[in-house]
Amino acid sequence: MKEQGFFLAKILGLSLALALFIRYVTPQLNLPATPAVALTLVMTPMLVMTGVLIWRWQIQQPSQE
C-alpha cells in the first residue's frame, strides 16, 4: 500500500511539473502558429512513446542464437 502511495505522489508531482512548465515556460518560446509547428507538437509525444515501447520490446525478446 505504501508503494502505491509513493507511485501516486510521483505521478501527481510529474503532472504538476508538466502543468507549470506549460503554463510559465512555453509562452516564452514564441513559436509561430503554423501547421508545421502544430503537427510537430502533436506528433512528438507519439513518436517518443513508440520509440520507447519498441526499445522495451526488443530488450524483452529472448535472444535467438
PDB file of N, CA and C in Angstrom:
ATOM      1  N   MET A   1       0.820  -1.190   0.000  1.00  0.00           N
ATOM      2  CA  MET A   1       0.000   0.000   0.000  1.00  0.00           C
ATOM      3  C   MET A   1       0.869   1.261   0.000  1.00  0.00           C
ATOM      4  N   LYS A   2       1.981   1.195   0.730  1.00  0.00           N
ATOM      5  CA  LYS A   2       2.877   2.352   0.785  1.00  0.00           C
ATOM      6  C   LYS A   2       3.494   2.628  -0.582  1.00  0.00           C
ATOM      7  N   GLU A   3       3.791   1.563  -1.337  1.00  0.00           N
ATOM      8  CA  GLU A   3       4.365   1.730  -2.672  1.00  0.00           C
ATOM      9  C   GLU A   3       3.370   2.408  -3.612  1.00  0.00           C
ATOM     10  N   GLN A   4       2.087   2.083  -3.479  1.00  0.00           N
ATOM     11  CA  GLN A   4       1.073   2.704  -4.325  1.00  0.00           C
ATOM     12  C   GLN A   4       0.955   4.197  -4.024  1.00  0.00           C
ATOM     13  N   GLY A   5       1.063   4.549  -2.742  1.00  0.00           N
ATOM     14  CA  GLY A   5       1.011   5.957  -2.365  1.00  0.00           C
ATOM     15  C   GLY A   5       2.184   6.727  -2.935  1.00  0.00           C
ATOM     16  N   PHE A   6       3.375   6.112  -2.896  1.00  0.00           N
ATOM     17  CA  PHE A   6       4.559   6.764  -3.463  1.00  0.00           C
ATOM     18  C   PHE A   6       4.409   6.924  -4.971  1.00  0.00           C
ATOM     19  N   PHE A   7       3.887   5.894  -5.622  1.00  0.00           N
ATOM     20  CA  PHE A   7       3.681   5.954  -7.071  1.00  0.00           C
ATOM     21  C   PHE A   7       2.691   7.060  -7.417  1.00  0.00           C
ATOM     22  N   LEU A   8       1.601   7.159  -6.662  1.00  0.00           N
ATOM     23  CA  LEU A   8       0.611   8.197  -6.902  1.00  0.00           C
ATOM     24  C   LEU A   8       1.204   9.590  -6.675  1.00  0.00           C
ATOM     25  N   ALA A   9       1.992   9.742  -5.619  1.00  0.00           N
ATOM     26  CA  ALA A   9       2.635  11.029  -5.349  1.00  0.00           C
ATOM     27  C   ALA A   9       3.607  11.393  -6.471  1.00  0.00           C
ATOM     28  N   LYS A  10       4.315  10.421  -6.995  1.00  0.00           N
ATOM     29  CA  LYS A  10       5.257  10.668  -8.087  1.00  0.00           C
ATOM     30  C   LYS A  10       4.511  11.108  -9.351  1.00  0.00           C
ATOM     31  N   ILE A  11       3.418  10.460  -9.667  1.00  0.00           N
ATOM     32  CA  ILE A  11       2.629  10.825 -10.842  1.00  0.00           C
ATOM     33  C   ILE A  11       2.049  12.227 -10.681  1.00  0.00           C
ATOM     34  N   LEU A  12       1.530  12.525  -9.491  1.00  0.00           N
ATOM     35  CA  LEU A  12       0.976  13.857  -9.244  1.00  0.00           C
ATOM     36  C   LEU A  12       2.060  14.930  -9.327  1.00  0.00           C
ATOM     37  N   GLY A  13       3.255  14.635  -8.819  1.00  0.00           N
ATOM     38  CA  GLY A  13       4.362  15.583  -8.894  1.00  0.00           C
ATOM     39  C   GLY A  13       4.788  15.843 -10.329  1.00  0.00           C
ATOM     40  N   LEU A  14       4.877  14.789 -11.125  1.00  0.00           N
ATOM     41  CA  LEU A  14       5.241  14.956 -12.537  1.00  0.00           C
ATOM     42  C   LEU A  14       4.168  15.727 -13.293  1.00  0.00           C
ATOM     43  N   SER A  15       2.915  15.459 -12.974  1.00  0.00           N
ATOM     44  CA  SER A  15       1.827  16.176 -13.609  1.00  0.00           C
ATOM     45  C   SER A  15       1.872  17.658 -13.251  1.00  0.00           C
ATOM     46  N   LEU A  16       2.146  17.968 -11.990  1.00  0.00           N
ATOM     47  CA  LEU A  16       2.256  19.359 -11.569  1.00  0.00           C
ATOM     48  C   LEU A  16       3.419  20.053 -12.270  1.00  0.00           C
ATOM     49  N   ALA A  17       4.555  19.369 -12.358  1.00  0.00           N
ATOM     50  CA  ALA A  17       5.725  19.956 -13.015  1.00  0.00           C
ATOM     51  C   ALA A  17       5.433  20.233 -14.496  1.00  0.00           C
ATOM     52  N   LEU A  18       4.763  19.304 -15.160  1.00  0.00           N
ATOM     53  CA  LEU A  18       4.421  19.500 -16.570  1.00  0.00           C
ATOM     54  C   LEU A  18       3.440  20.656 -16.740  1.00  0.00           C
ATOM     55  N   ALA A  19       2.449  20.739 -15.857  1.00  0.00           N
ATOM     56  CA  ALA A  19       1.471  21.826 -15.930  1.00  0.00           C
ATOM     57  C   ALA A  19       2.150  23.181 -15.718  1.00  0.00           C
ATOM     58  N   LEU A  20       3.054  23.263 -14.748  1.00  0.00           N
ATOM     59  CA  LEU A  20       3.768  24.520 -14.510  1.00  0.00           C
ATOM     60  C   LEU A  20       4.667  24.879 -15.683  1.00  0.00           C
ATOM     61  N   PHE A  21       5.299  23.871 -16.281  1.00  0.00           N
ATOM     62  CA  PHE A  21       6.135  24.113 -17.462  1.00  0.00           C
ATOM     63  C   PHE A  21       5.304  24.672 -18.605  1.00  0.00           C
ATOM     64  N   ILE A  22       4.146  24.055 -18.845  1.00  0.00           N
ATOM     65  CA  ILE A  22       3.275  24.521 -19.926  1.00  0.00           C
ATOM     66  C   ILE A  22       2.765  25.933 -19.633  1.00  0.00           C
ATOM     67  N   ARG A  23       2.435  26.187 -18.382  1.00  0.00           N
ATOM     68  CA  ARG A  23       1.843  27.483 -18.012  1.00  0.00           C
ATOM     69  C   ARG A  23       2.850  28.624 -18.088  1.00  0.00           C
ATOM     70  N   TYR A  24       4.084  28.404 -17.617  1.00  0.00           N
ATOM     71  CA  TYR A  24       5.014  29.521 -17.466  1.00  0.00           C
ATOM     72  C   TYR A  24       6.171  29.540 -18.470  1.00  0.00           C
ATOM     73  N   VAL A  25       6.578  28.414 -18.993  1.00  0.00           N
ATOM     74  CA  VAL A  25       7.747  28.379 -19.878  1.00  0.00           C
ATOM     75  C   VAL A  25       7.354  28.457 -21.350  1.00  0.00           C
ATOM     76  N   THR A  26       6.336  27.715 -21.746  1.00  0.00           N
ATOM     77  CA  THR A  26       6.004  27.683 -23.169  1.00  0.00           C
ATOM     78  C   THR A  26       5.592  29.031 -23.749  1.00  0.00           C
ATOM     79  N   PRO A  27       4.934  29.940 -23.005  1.00  0.00           N
ATOM     80  CA  PRO A  27       4.652  31.253 -23.618  1.00  0.00           C
ATOM     81  C   PRO A  27       5.927  32.033 -23.957  1.00  0.00           C
ATOM     82  N   GLN A  28       7.027  31.712 -23.315  1.00  0.00           N
ATOM     83  CA  GLN A  28       8.286  32.405 -23.583  1.00  0.00           C
ATOM     84  C   GLN A  28       8.962  31.920 -24.867  1.00  0.00           C
ATOM     85  N   LEU A  29       8.520  30.805 -25.422  1.00  0.00           N
ATOM     86  CA  LEU A  29       9.177  30.224 -26.594  1.00  0.00           C
ATOM     87  C   LEU A  29       8.867  30.965 -27.888  1.00  0.00           C
ATOM     88  N   ASN A  30       7.774  31.686 -27.957  1.00  0.00           N
ATOM     89  CA  ASN A  30       7.383  32.452 -29.143  1.00  0.00           C
ATOM     90  C   ASN A  30       7.387  31.596 -30.408  1.00  0.00           C
ATOM     91  N   LEU A  31       6.677  30.470 -30.365  1.00  0.00           N
ATOM     92  CA  LEU A  31       6.565  29.616 -31.541  1.00  0.00           C
ATOM     93  C   LEU A  31       5.544  30.205 -32.507  1.00  0.00           C
ATOM     94  N   PRO A  32       5.857  30.202 -33.794  1.00  0.00           N
ATOM     95  CA  PRO A  32       4.883  30.711 -34.761  1.00  0.00           C
ATOM     96  C   PRO A  32       3.698  29.750 -34.887  1.00  0.00           C
ATOM     97  N   ALA A  33       2.535  30.293 -35.131  1.00  0.00           N
ATOM     98  CA  ALA A  33       1.323  29.477 -35.263  1.00  0.00           C
ATOM     99  C   ALA A  33       1.204  28.989 -36.701  1.00  0.00           C
ATOM    100  N   THR A  34       1.979  27.952 -37.010  1.00  0.00           N
ATOM    101  CA  THR A  34       1.946  27.384 -38.359  1.00  0.00           C
ATOM    102  C   THR A  34       1.534  25.922 -38.272  1.00  0.00           C
ATOM    103  N   PRO A  35       1.031  25.368 -39.361  1.00  0.00           N
ATOM    104  CA  PRO A  35       0.662  23.948 -39.344  1.00  0.00           C
ATOM    105  C   PRO A  35       1.846  23.026 -39.046  1.00  0.00           C
ATOM    106  N   ALA A  36       3.027  23.383 -39.492  1.00  0.00           N
ATOM    107  CA  ALA A  36       4.202  22.541 -39.255  1.00  0.00           C
ATOM    108  C   ALA A  36       4.536  22.468 -37.763  1.00  0.00           C
ATOM    109  N   VAL A  37       4.445  23.585 -37.076  1.00  0.00           N
ATOM    110  CA  VAL A  37       4.722  23.595 -35.634  1.00  0.00           C
ATOM    111  C   VAL A  37       3.662  22.800 -34.897  1.00  0.00           C
ATOM    112  N   ALA A  38       2.390  22.982 -35.266  1.00  0.00           N
ATOM    113  CA  ALA A  38       1.309  22.242 -34.619  1.00  0.00           C
ATOM    114  C   ALA A  38       1.468  20.743 -34.840  1.00  0.00           C
ATOM    115  N   LEU A  39       1.795  20.338 -36.044  1.00  0.00           N
ATOM    116  CA  LEU A  39       1.987  18.923 -36.341  1.00  0.00           C
ATOM    117  C   LEU A  39       3.160  18.351 -35.554  1.00  0.00           C
ATOM    118  N   THR A  40       4.230  19.099 -35.447  1.00  0.00           N
ATOM    119  CA  THR A  40       5.396  18.652 -34.680  1.00  0.00           C
ATOM    120  C   THR A  40       5.040  18.474 -33.213  1.00  0.00           C
ATOM    121  N   LEU A  41       4.318  19.429 -32.639  1.00  0.00           N
ATOM    122  CA  LEU A  41       3.946  19.337 -31.229  1.00  0.00           C
ATOM    123  C   LEU A  41       2.989  18.182 -30.967  1.00  0.00           C
ATOM    124  N   VAL A  42       2.136  17.870 -31.910  1.00  0.00           N
ATOM    125  CA  VAL A  42       1.183  16.773 -31.738  1.00  0.00           C
ATOM    126  C   VAL A  42       1.862  15.414 -31.938  1.00  0.00           C
ATOM    127  N   MET A  43       2.757  15.317 -32.895  1.00  0.00           N
ATOM    128  CA  MET A  43       3.358  14.029 -33.244  1.00  0.00           C
ATOM    129  C   MET A  43       4.536  13.632 -32.351  1.00  0.00           C
ATOM    130  N   THR A  44       5.235  14.584 -31.763  1.00  0.00           N
ATOM    131  CA  THR A  44       6.425  14.267 -30.982  1.00  0.00           C
ATOM    132  C   THR A  44       6.163  13.300 -29.828  1.00  0.00           C
ATOM    133  N   PRO A  45       5.157  13.513 -28.974  1.00  0.00           N
ATOM    134  CA  PRO A  45       4.940  12.545 -27.881  1.00  0.00           C
ATOM    135  C   PRO A  45       4.653  11.131 -28.381  1.00  0.00           C
ATOM    136  N   MET A  46       3.872  11.023 -29.471  1.00  0.00           N
ATOM    137  CA  MET A  46       3.575   9.702 -30.003  1.00  0.00           C
ATOM    138  C   MET A  46       4.835   9.020 -30.531  1.00  0.00           C
ATOM    139  N   LEU A  47       5.680   9.763 -31.212  1.00  0.00           N
ATOM    140  CA  LEU A  47       6.903   9.174 -31.747  1.00  0.00           C
ATOM    141  C   LEU A  47       7.871   8.775 -30.631  1.00  0.00           C
ATOM    142  N   VAL A  48       7.946   9.576 -29.588  1.00  0.00           N
ATOM    143  CA  VAL A  48       8.807   9.239 -28.451  1.00  0.00           C
ATOM    144  C   VAL A  48       8.309   7.963 -27.776  1.00  0.00           C
ATOM    145  N   MET A  49       7.010   7.879 -27.524  1.00  0.00           N
ATOM    146  CA  MET A  49       6.461   6.685 -26.882  1.00  0.00           C
ATOM    147  C   MET A  49       6.618   5.449 -27.758  1.00  0.00           C
ATOM    148  N   THR A  50       6.467   5.620 -29.064  1.00  0.00           N
ATOM    149  CA  THR A  50       6.679   4.500 -29.982  1.00  0.00           C
ATOM    150  C   THR A  50       8.118   3.994 -29.890  1.00  0.00           C
ATOM    151  N   GLY A  51       9.065   4.900 -29.866  1.00  0.00           N
ATOM    152  CA  GLY A  51      10.465   4.512 -29.743  1.00  0.00           C
ATOM    153  C   GLY A  51      10.755   3.813 -28.427  1.00  0.00           C
ATOM    154  N   VAL A  52      10.202   4.320 -27.336  1.00  0.00           N
ATOM    155  CA  VAL A  52      10.423   3.694 -26.024  1.00  0.00           C
ATOM    156  C   VAL A  52       9.814   2.304 -25.981  1.00  0.00           C
ATOM    157  N   LEU A  53       8.599   2.147 -26.501  1.00  0.00           N
ATOM    158  CA  LEU A  53       7.954   0.830 -26.474  1.00  0.00           C
ATOM    159  C   LEU A  53       8.682  -0.175 -27.359  1.00  0.00           C
ATOM    160  N   ILE A  54       9.157   0.251 -28.516  1.00  0.00           N
ATOM    161  CA  ILE A  54       9.929  -0.654 -29.380  1.00  0.00           C
ATOM    162  C   ILE A  54      11.228  -1.051 -28.684  1.00  0.00           C
ATOM    163  N   TRP A  55      11.878  -0.101 -28.047  1.00  0.00           N
ATOM    164  CA  TRP A  55      13.117  -0.388 -27.329  1.00  0.00           C
ATOM    165  C   TRP A  55      12.867  -1.400 -26.210  1.00  0.00           C
ATOM    166  N   ARG A  56      11.808  -1.211 -25.427  1.00  0.00           N
ATOM    167  CA  ARG A  56      11.485  -2.150 -24.343  1.00  0.00           C
ATOM    168  C   ARG A  56      11.134  -3.526 -24.899  1.00  0.00           C
ATOM    169  N   TRP A  57      10.414  -3.552 -26.027  1.00  0.00           N
ATOM    170  CA  TRP A  57      10.030  -4.818 -26.629  1.00  0.00           C
ATOM    171  C   TRP A  57      11.272  -5.587 -27.089  1.00  0.00           C
ATOM    172  N   GLN A  58      12.248  -4.890 -27.655  1.00  0.00           N
ATOM    173  CA  GLN A  58      13.475  -5.547 -28.110  1.00  0.00           C
ATOM    174  C   GLN A  58      14.283  -6.082 -26.941  1.00  0.00           C
ATOM    175  N   ILE A  59      14.282  -5.365 -25.820  1.00  0.00           N
ATOM    176  CA  ILE A  59      15.016  -5.831 -24.640  1.00  0.00           C
ATOM    177  C   ILE A  59      14.382  -7.098 -24.078  1.00  0.00           C
ATOM    178  N   GLN A  60      13.065  -7.199 -24.120  1.00  0.00           N
ATOM    179  CA  GLN A  60      12.363  -8.334 -23.516  1.00  0.00           C
ATOM    180  C   GLN A  60      12.368  -9.565 -24.402  1.00  0.00           C
ATOM    181  N   GLN A  61      12.712  -9.427 -25.664  1.00  0.00           N
ATOM    182  CA  GLN A  61      12.731 -10.574 -26.565  1.00  0.00           C
ATOM    183  C   GLN A  61      13.898 -11.488 -26.183  1.00  0.00           C
ATOM    184  N   PRO A  62      13.644 -12.814 -26.106  1.00  0.00           N
ATOM    185  CA  PRO A  62      14.757 -13.721 -25.830  1.00  0.00           C
ATOM    186  C   PRO A  62      15.723 -13.768 -27.022  1.00  0.00           C
ATOM    187  N   SER A  63      16.986 -13.884 -26.715  1.00  0.00           N
ATOM    188  CA  SER A  63      17.972 -13.927 -27.805  1.00  0.00           C
ATOM    189  C   SER A  63      17.807 -15.239 -28.580  1.00  0.00           C
ATOM    190  N   GLN A  64      17.953 -15.167 -29.888  1.00  0.00           N
ATOM    191  CA  GLN A  64      17.761 -16.320 -30.759  1.00  0.00           C
ATOM    192  C   GLN A  64      19.100 -16.714 -31.373  1.00  0.00           C
ATOM    193  N   GLU A  65      19.963 -17.237 -30.533  1.00  0.00           N
ATOM    194  CA  GLU A  65      21.299 -17.640 -31.031  1.00  0.00           C
ATOM    195  C   GLU A  65      21.425 -19.128 -31.070  1.00  0.00           C
TER     196      GLU A  65
END
